[in-house]
Amino acid sequence: MYKIMRDSLKAKIIEVCDKKISVKGENVGLSFYAFFANKNDDPELLMEAAQWWIMAHKLDHFEKAVKIKKMVQAIT
């Protein structure tokens, strides 16, 4: 149910993961909040990311960016 994700969110997640990895290295961790500004200007998109992260995959608050990138790239 929560395993689908719109293309714009996938692209944003991959972009943010790439930036974090390039700056801080392969061990950098992040939360799903890293993909959003510090304001709630798109609550539906935020909930989509939260549902994918928390409900579908039961991920911890912080996960390795390389892991998240691989998971998102595997979504068809």
PDB file of N, CA and C in Angstrom:
ATOM      1  N   MET A   1       0.818  -1.203   0.000  1.00  0.00           N
ATOM      2  CA  MET A   1       0.000   0.000   0.000  1.00  0.00           C
ATOM      3  C   MET A   1       0.859   1.264   0.000  1.00  0.00           C
ATOM      4  N   TYR A   2       1.916   1.284   0.772  1.00  0.00           N
ATOM      5  CA  TYR A   2       2.756   2.475   0.885  1.00  0.00           C
ATOM      6  C   TYR A   2       4.047   2.348   0.083  1.00  0.00           C
ATOM      7  N   LYS A   3       4.154   1.354  -0.777  1.00  0.00           N
ATOM      8  CA  LYS A   3       5.422   1.095  -1.440  1.00  0.00           C
ATOM      9  C   LYS A   3       5.589   1.870  -2.733  1.00  0.00           C
ATOM     10  N   ILE A   4       4.552   2.552  -3.189  1.00  0.00           N
ATOM     11  CA  ILE A   4       4.687   3.363  -4.387  1.00  0.00           C
ATOM     12  C   ILE A   4       5.149   4.761  -3.997  1.00  0.00           C
ATOM     13  N   MET A   5       5.716   5.458  -4.973  1.00  0.00           N
ATOM     14  CA  MET A   5       6.227   6.795  -4.704  1.00  0.00           C
ATOM     15  C   MET A   5       6.234   7.575  -6.005  1.00  0.00           C
ATOM     16  N   ARG A   6       5.778   8.809  -5.950  1.00  0.00           N
ATOM     17  CA  ARG A   6       5.771   9.624  -7.167  1.00  0.00           C
ATOM     18  C   ARG A   6       7.201   9.914  -7.629  1.00  0.00           C
ATOM     19  N   ASP A   7       7.344  10.078  -8.934  1.00  0.00           N
ATOM     20  CA  ASP A   7       8.665  10.264  -9.539  1.00  0.00           C
ATOM     21  C   ASP A   7       9.394  11.494  -9.012  1.00  0.00           C
ATOM     22  N   SER A   8       8.666  12.565  -8.754  1.00  0.00           N
ATOM     23  CA  SER A   8       9.308  13.786  -8.260  1.00  0.00           C
ATOM     24  C   SER A   8       9.928  13.568  -6.884  1.00  0.00           C
ATOM     25  N   LEU A   9       9.277  12.776  -6.038  1.00  0.00           N
ATOM     26  CA  LEU A   9       9.830  12.484  -4.712  1.00  0.00           C
ATOM     27  C   LEU A   9      11.043  11.568  -4.834  1.00  0.00           C
ATOM     28  N   LYS A  10      10.957  10.571  -5.699  1.00  0.00           N
ATOM     29  CA  LYS A  10      12.121   9.691  -5.928  1.00  0.00           C
ATOM     30  C   LYS A  10      13.324  10.506  -6.361  1.00  0.00           C
ATOM     31  N   ALA A  11      13.117  11.400  -7.326  1.00  0.00           N
ATOM     32  CA  ALA A  11      14.220  12.229  -7.833  1.00  0.00           C
ATOM     33  C   ALA A  11      14.806  13.103  -6.729  1.00  0.00           C
ATOM     34  N   LYS A  12      13.949  13.686  -5.902  1.00  0.00           N
ATOM     35  CA  LYS A  12      14.405  14.547  -4.802  1.00  0.00           C
ATOM     36  C   LYS A  12      15.220  13.747  -3.788  1.00  0.00           C
ATOM     37  N   ILE A  13      14.744  12.564  -3.437  1.00  0.00           N
ATOM     38  CA  ILE A  13      15.461  11.727  -2.469  1.00  0.00           C
ATOM     39  C   ILE A  13      16.842  11.351  -3.001  1.00  0.00           C
ATOM     40  N   ILE A  14      16.901  10.938  -4.251  1.00  0.00           N
ATOM     41  CA  ILE A  14      18.193  10.561  -4.842  1.00  0.00           C
ATOM     42  C   ILE A  14      19.130  11.763  -4.894  1.00  0.00           C
ATOM     43  N   GLU A  15      18.612  12.917  -5.260  1.00  0.00           N
ATOM     44  CA  GLU A  15      19.418  14.142  -5.311  1.00  0.00           C
ATOM     45  C   GLU A  15      19.988  14.489  -3.939  1.00  0.00           C
ATOM     46  N   VAL A  16      19.141  14.459  -2.911  1.00  0.00           N
ATOM     47  CA  VAL A  16      19.589  14.792  -1.554  1.00  0.00           C
ATOM     48  C   VAL A  16      20.604  13.764  -1.060  1.00  0.00           C
ATOM     49  N   CYS A  17      20.353  12.488  -1.314  1.00  0.00           N
ATOM     50  CA  CYS A  17      21.298  11.443  -0.904  1.00  0.00           C
ATOM     51  C   CYS A  17      22.652  11.658  -1.574  1.00  0.00           C
ATOM     52  N   ASP A  18      22.641  11.926  -2.869  1.00  0.00           N
ATOM     53  CA  ASP A  18      23.895  12.166  -3.599  1.00  0.00           C
ATOM     54  C   ASP A  18      24.675  13.342  -3.009  1.00  0.00           C
ATOM     55  N   LYS A  19      23.962  14.428  -2.709  1.00  0.00           N
ATOM     56  CA  LYS A  19      24.629  15.610  -2.130  1.00  0.00           C
ATOM     57  C   LYS A  19      25.220  15.295  -0.760  1.00  0.00           C
ATOM     58  N   LYS A  20      24.439  14.644   0.088  1.00  0.00           N
ATOM     59  CA  LYS A  20      24.932  14.307   1.440  1.00  0.00           C
ATOM     60  C   LYS A  20      26.133  13.371   1.369  1.00  0.00           C
ATOM     61  N   ILE A  21      26.074  12.369   0.496  1.00  0.00           N
ATOM     62  CA  ILE A  21      27.172  11.417   0.355  1.00  0.00           C
ATOM     63  C   ILE A  21      28.419  12.121  -0.161  1.00  0.00           C
ATOM     64  N   SER A  22      28.267  13.023  -1.128  1.00  0.00           N
ATOM     65  CA  SER A  22      29.434  13.709  -1.687  1.00  0.00           C
ATOM     66  C   SER A  22      30.105  14.632  -0.671  1.00  0.00           C
ATOM     67  N   VAL A  23      29.318  15.203   0.233  1.00  0.00           N
ATOM     68  CA  VAL A  23      29.863  16.122   1.231  1.00  0.00           C
ATOM     69  C   VAL A  23      30.397  15.390   2.459  1.00  0.00           C
ATOM     70  N   LYS A  24      29.644  14.395   2.949  1.00  0.00           N
ATOM     71  CA  LYS A  24      29.985  13.779   4.228  1.00  0.00           C
ATOM     72  C   LYS A  24      30.445  12.331   4.137  1.00  0.00           C
ATOM     73  N   GLY A  25      30.420  11.753   2.946  1.00  0.00           N
ATOM     74  CA  GLY A  25      30.910  10.394   2.778  1.00  0.00           C
ATOM     75  C   GLY A  25      29.823   9.341   2.846  1.00  0.00           C
ATOM     76  N   GLU A  26      30.223   8.112   2.576  1.00  0.00           N
ATOM     77  CA  GLU A  26      29.299   6.984   2.454  1.00  0.00           C
ATOM     78  C   GLU A  26      28.593   6.601   3.759  1.00  0.00           C
ATOM     79  N   ASN A  27      29.094   7.033   4.893  1.00  0.00           N
ATOM     80  CA  ASN A  27      28.484   6.671   6.171  1.00  0.00           C
ATOM     81  C   ASN A  27      27.474   7.690   6.678  1.00  0.00           C
ATOM     82  N   VAL A  28      27.188   8.717   5.891  1.00  0.00           N
ATOM     83  CA  VAL A  28      26.265   9.763   6.343  1.00  0.00           C
ATOM     84  C   VAL A  28      24.857   9.190   6.486  1.00  0.00           C
ATOM     85  N   GLY A  29      24.220   9.591   7.571  1.00  0.00           N
ATOM     86  CA  GLY A  29      22.848   9.200   7.818  1.00  0.00           C
ATOM     87  C   GLY A  29      21.919  10.388   7.620  1.00  0.00           C
ATOM     88  N   LEU A  30      20.653  10.081   7.375  1.00  0.00           N
ATOM     89  CA  LEU A  30      19.658  11.132   7.241  1.00  0.00           C
ATOM     90  C   LEU A  30      18.292  10.588   7.610  1.00  0.00           C
ATOM     91  N   SER A  31      17.364  11.503   7.842  1.00  0.00           N
ATOM     92  CA  SER A  31      15.982  11.119   8.098  1.00  0.00           C
ATOM     93  C   SER A  31      15.139  11.579   6.915  1.00  0.00           C
ATOM     94  N   PHE A  32      13.874  11.181   6.876  1.00  0.00           N
ATOM     95  CA  PHE A  32      13.045  11.593   5.746  1.00  0.00           C
ATOM     96  C   PHE A  32      12.794  13.092   5.751  1.00  0.00           C
ATOM     97  N   TYR A  33      13.011  13.755   6.865  1.00  0.00           N
ATOM     98  CA  TYR A  33      12.873  15.206   6.919  1.00  0.00           C
ATOM     99  C   TYR A  33      13.930  15.911   6.073  1.00  0.00           C
ATOM    100  N   ALA A  34      15.020  15.242   5.755  1.00  0.00           N
ATOM    101  CA  ALA A  34      16.092  15.841   4.953  1.00  0.00           C
ATOM    102  C   ALA A  34      15.620  16.217   3.554  1.00  0.00           C
ATOM    103  N   PHE A  35      14.509  15.675   3.116  1.00  0.00           N
ATOM    104  CA  PHE A  35      14.028  15.917   1.762  1.00  0.00           C
ATOM    105  C   PHE A  35      13.054  17.088   1.680  1.00  0.00           C
ATOM    106  N   PHE A  36      12.873  17.791   2.794  1.00  0.00           N
ATOM    107  CA  PHE A  36      11.893  18.866   2.858  1.00  0.00           C
ATOM    108  C   PHE A  36      12.485  20.094   3.516  1.00  0.00           C
ATOM    109  N   ALA A  37      11.929  21.259   3.160  1.00  0.00           N
ATOM    110  CA  ALA A  37      12.308  22.512   3.810  1.00  0.00           C
ATOM    111  C   ALA A  37      11.779  22.482   5.245  1.00  0.00           C
ATOM    112  N   ASN A  38      12.220  23.410   6.046  1.00  0.00           N
ATOM    113  CA  ASN A  38      11.778  23.469   7.442  1.00  0.00           C
ATOM    114  C   ASN A  38      10.408  24.115   7.588  1.00  0.00           C
ATOM    115  N   LYS A  39       9.560  23.874   6.599  1.00  0.00           N
ATOM    116  CA  LYS A  39       8.180  24.342   6.685  1.00  0.00           C
ATOM    117  C   LYS A  39       7.304  23.297   6.014  1.00  0.00           C
ATOM    118  N   ASN A  40       6.077  23.266   6.392  1.00  0.00           N
ATOM    119  CA  ASN A  40       5.148  22.253   5.899  1.00  0.00           C
ATOM    120  C   ASN A  40       4.360  22.811   4.719  1.00  0.00           C
ATOM    121  N   ASP A  41       5.036  22.999   3.566  1.00  0.00           N
ATOM    122  CA  ASP A  41       4.368  23.586   2.413  1.00  0.00           C
ATOM    123  C   ASP A  41       3.753  22.546   1.475  1.00  0.00           C
ATOM    124  N   ASP A  42       4.013  21.258   1.704  1.00  0.00           N
ATOM    125  CA  ASP A  42       3.409  20.198   0.900  1.00  0.00           C
ATOM    126  C   ASP A  42       3.137  18.992   1.803  1.00  0.00           C
ATOM    127  N   PRO A  43       2.092  19.073   2.618  1.00  0.00           N
ATOM    128  CA  PRO A  43       1.825  18.010   3.586  1.00  0.00           C
ATOM    129  C   PRO A  43       1.574  16.642   2.950  1.00  0.00           C
ATOM    130  N   GLU A  44       0.973  16.589   1.778  1.00  0.00           N
ATOM    131  CA  GLU A  44       0.730  15.302   1.122  1.00  0.00           C
ATOM    132  C   GLU A  44       2.038  14.619   0.742  1.00  0.00           C
ATOM    133  N   LEU A  45       2.987  15.381   0.225  1.00  0.00           N
ATOM    134  CA  LEU A  45       4.285  14.819  -0.143  1.00  0.00           C
ATOM    135  C   LEU A  45       5.051  14.366   1.097  1.00  0.00           C
ATOM    136  N   LEU A  46       4.996  15.168   2.153  1.00  0.00           N
ATOM    137  CA  LEU A  46       5.640  14.795   3.411  1.00  0.00           C
ATOM    138  C   LEU A  46       5.048  13.485   3.949  1.00  0.00           C
ATOM    139  N   MET A  47       3.731  13.351   3.897  1.00  0.00           N
ATOM    140  CA  MET A  47       3.086  12.129   4.376  1.00  0.00           C
ATOM    141  C   MET A  47       3.436  10.934   3.498  1.00  0.00           C
ATOM    142  N   GLU A  48       3.577  11.160   2.205  1.00  0.00           N
ATOM    143  CA  GLU A  48       3.973  10.077   1.302  1.00  0.00           C
ATOM    144  C   GLU A  48       5.355   9.553   1.687  1.00  0.00           C
ATOM    145  N   ALA A  49       6.284  10.472   1.934  1.00  0.00           N
ATOM    146  CA  ALA A  49       7.635  10.074   2.344  1.00  0.00           C
ATOM    147  C   ALA A  49       7.604   9.383   3.707  1.00  0.00           C
ATOM    148  N   ALA A  50       6.840   9.931   4.628  1.00  0.00           N
ATOM    149  CA  ALA A  50       6.752   9.345   5.969  1.00  0.00           C
ATOM    150  C   ALA A  50       6.147   7.950   5.922  1.00  0.00           C
ATOM    151  N   GLN A  51       5.102   7.773   5.147  1.00  0.00           N
ATOM    152  CA  GLN A  51       4.468   6.459   5.044  1.00  0.00           C
ATOM    153  C   GLN A  51       5.415   5.440   4.424  1.00  0.00           C
ATOM    154  N   TRP A  52       6.138   5.850   3.397  1.00  0.00           N
ATOM    155  CA  TRP A  52       7.102   4.947   2.765  1.00  0.00           C
ATOM    156  C   TRP A  52       8.193   4.566   3.763  1.00  0.00           C
ATOM    157  N   TRP A  53       8.720   5.566   4.461  1.00  0.00           N
ATOM    158  CA  TRP A  53       9.845   5.387   5.390  1.00  0.00           C
ATOM    159  C   TRP A  53       9.429   4.582   6.625  1.00  0.00           C
ATOM    160  N   ILE A  54       8.322   4.987   7.242  1.00  0.00           N
ATOM    161  CA  ILE A  54       7.929   4.426   8.537  1.00  0.00           C
ATOM    162  C   ILE A  54       7.009   3.213   8.396  1.00  0.00           C
ATOM    163  N   MET A  55       5.940   3.368   7.643  1.00  0.00           N
ATOM    164  CA  MET A  55       4.927   2.320   7.576  1.00  0.00           C
ATOM    165  C   MET A  55       5.346   1.157   6.665  1.00  0.00           C
ATOM    166  N   ALA A  56       5.836   1.467   5.484  1.00  0.00           N
ATOM    167  CA  ALA A  56       6.159   0.405   4.522  1.00  0.00           C
ATOM    168  C   ALA A  56       7.440  -0.320   4.873  1.00  0.00           C
ATOM    169  N   HIS A  57       8.452   0.428   5.333  1.00  0.00           N
ATOM    170  CA  HIS A  57       9.773  -0.172   5.513  1.00  0.00           C
ATOM    171  C   HIS A  57      10.259  -0.228   6.954  1.00  0.00           C
ATOM    172  N   LYS A  58       9.507   0.372   7.869  1.00  0.00           N
ATOM    173  CA  LYS A  58       9.853   0.324   9.297  1.00  0.00           C
ATOM    174  C   LYS A  58      11.303   0.754   9.554  1.00  0.00           C
ATOM    175  N   LEU A  59      11.725   1.806   8.849  1.00  0.00           N
ATOM    176  CA  LEU A  59      13.101   2.284   8.985  1.00  0.00           C
ATOM    177  C   LEU A  59      13.274   3.070  10.278  1.00  0.00           C
ATOM    178  N   ASP A  60      14.500   3.104  10.777  1.00  0.00           N
ATOM    179  CA  ASP A  60      14.833   3.918  11.936  1.00  0.00           C
ATOM    180  C   ASP A  60      14.754   5.396  11.555  1.00  0.00           C
ATOM    181  N   HIS A  61      14.777   6.256  12.571  1.00  0.00           N
ATOM    182  CA  HIS A  61      14.709   7.692  12.298  1.00  0.00           C
ATOM    183  C   HIS A  61      15.852   8.116  11.376  1.00  0.00           C
ATOM    184  N   PHE A  62      17.063   7.664  11.658  1.00  0.00           N
ATOM    185  CA  PHE A  62      18.207   7.950  10.791  1.00  0.00           C
ATOM    186  C   PHE A  62      18.657   6.670  10.120  1.00  0.00           C
ATOM    187  N   GLU A  63      18.890   6.757   8.816  1.00  0.00           N
ATOM    188  CA  GLU A  63      19.384   5.636   8.009  1.00  0.00           C
ATOM    189  C   GLU A  63      20.508   6.142   7.119  1.00  0.00           C
ATOM    190  N   LYS A  64      21.348   5.235   6.683  1.00  0.00           N
ATOM    191  CA  LYS A  64      22.440   5.591   5.778  1.00  0.00           C
ATOM    192  C   LYS A  64      21.866   6.070   4.446  1.00  0.00           C
ATOM    193  N   ALA A  65      22.411   7.159   3.936  1.00  0.00           N
ATOM    194  CA  ALA A  65      21.940   7.713   2.667  1.00  0.00           C
ATOM    195  C   ALA A  65      22.125   6.717   1.525  1.00  0.00           C
ATOM    196  N   VAL A  66      23.212   5.946   1.540  1.00  0.00           N
ATOM    197  CA  VAL A  66      23.433   4.971   0.467  1.00  0.00           C
ATOM    198  C   VAL A  66      22.337   3.904   0.478  1.00  0.00           C
ATOM    199  N   LYS A  67      21.883   3.506   1.648  1.00  0.00           N
ATOM    200  CA  LYS A  67      20.815   2.516   1.768  1.00  0.00           C
ATOM    201  C   LYS A  67      19.508   3.069   1.200  1.00  0.00           C
ATOM    202  N   ILE A  68      19.161   4.295   1.578  1.00  0.00           N
ATOM    203  CA  ILE A  68      17.937   4.907   1.115  1.00  0.00           C
ATOM    204  C   ILE A  68      17.969   5.094  -0.398  1.00  0.00           C
ATOM    205  N   LYS A  69      19.089   5.551  -0.915  1.00  0.00           N
ATOM    206  CA  LYS A  69      19.222   5.744  -2.355  1.00  0.00           C
ATOM    207  C   LYS A  69      18.991   4.440  -3.101  1.00  0.00           C
ATOM    208  N   LYS A  70      19.589   3.367  -2.649  1.00  0.00           N
ATOM    209  CA  LYS A  70      19.417   2.049  -3.291  1.00  0.00           C
ATOM    210  C   LYS A  70      17.958   1.595  -3.223  1.00  0.00           C
ATOM    211  N   MET A  71      17.320   1.810  -2.082  1.00  0.00           N
ATOM    212  CA  MET A  71      15.925   1.409  -1.936  1.00  0.00           C
ATOM    213  C   MET A  71      15.027   2.174  -2.897  1.00  0.00           C
ATOM    214  N   VAL A  72      15.256   3.475  -3.013  1.00  0.00           N
ATOM    215  CA  VAL A  72      14.431   4.310  -3.892  1.00  0.00           C
ATOM    216  C   VAL A  72      14.697   3.947  -5.355  1.00  0.00           C
ATOM    217  N   GLN A  73      15.939   3.708  -5.702  1.00  0.00           N
ATOM    218  CA  GLN A  73      16.254   3.332  -7.081  1.00  0.00           C
ATOM    219  C   GLN A  73      15.613   1.997  -7.472  1.00  0.00           C
ATOM    220  N   ALA A  74      15.337   1.154  -6.505  1.00  0.00           N
ATOM    221  CA  ALA A  74      14.730  -0.151  -6.779  1.00  0.00           C
ATOM    222  C   ALA A  74      13.217  -0.086  -6.981  1.00  0.00           C
ATOM    223  N   ILE A  75      12.601   1.064  -6.665  1.00  0.00           N
ATOM    224  CA  ILE A  75      11.163   1.214  -6.847  1.00  0.00           C
ATOM    225  C   ILE A  75      10.884   1.309  -8.340  1.00  0.00           C
ATOM    226  N   THR A  76       9.925   0.525  -8.774  1.00  0.00           N
ATOM    227  CA  THR A  76       9.568   0.548 -10.210  1.00  0.00           C
ATOM    228  C   THR A  76       8.360   1.389 -10.492  1.00  0.00           C
TER     229      THR A  76
END
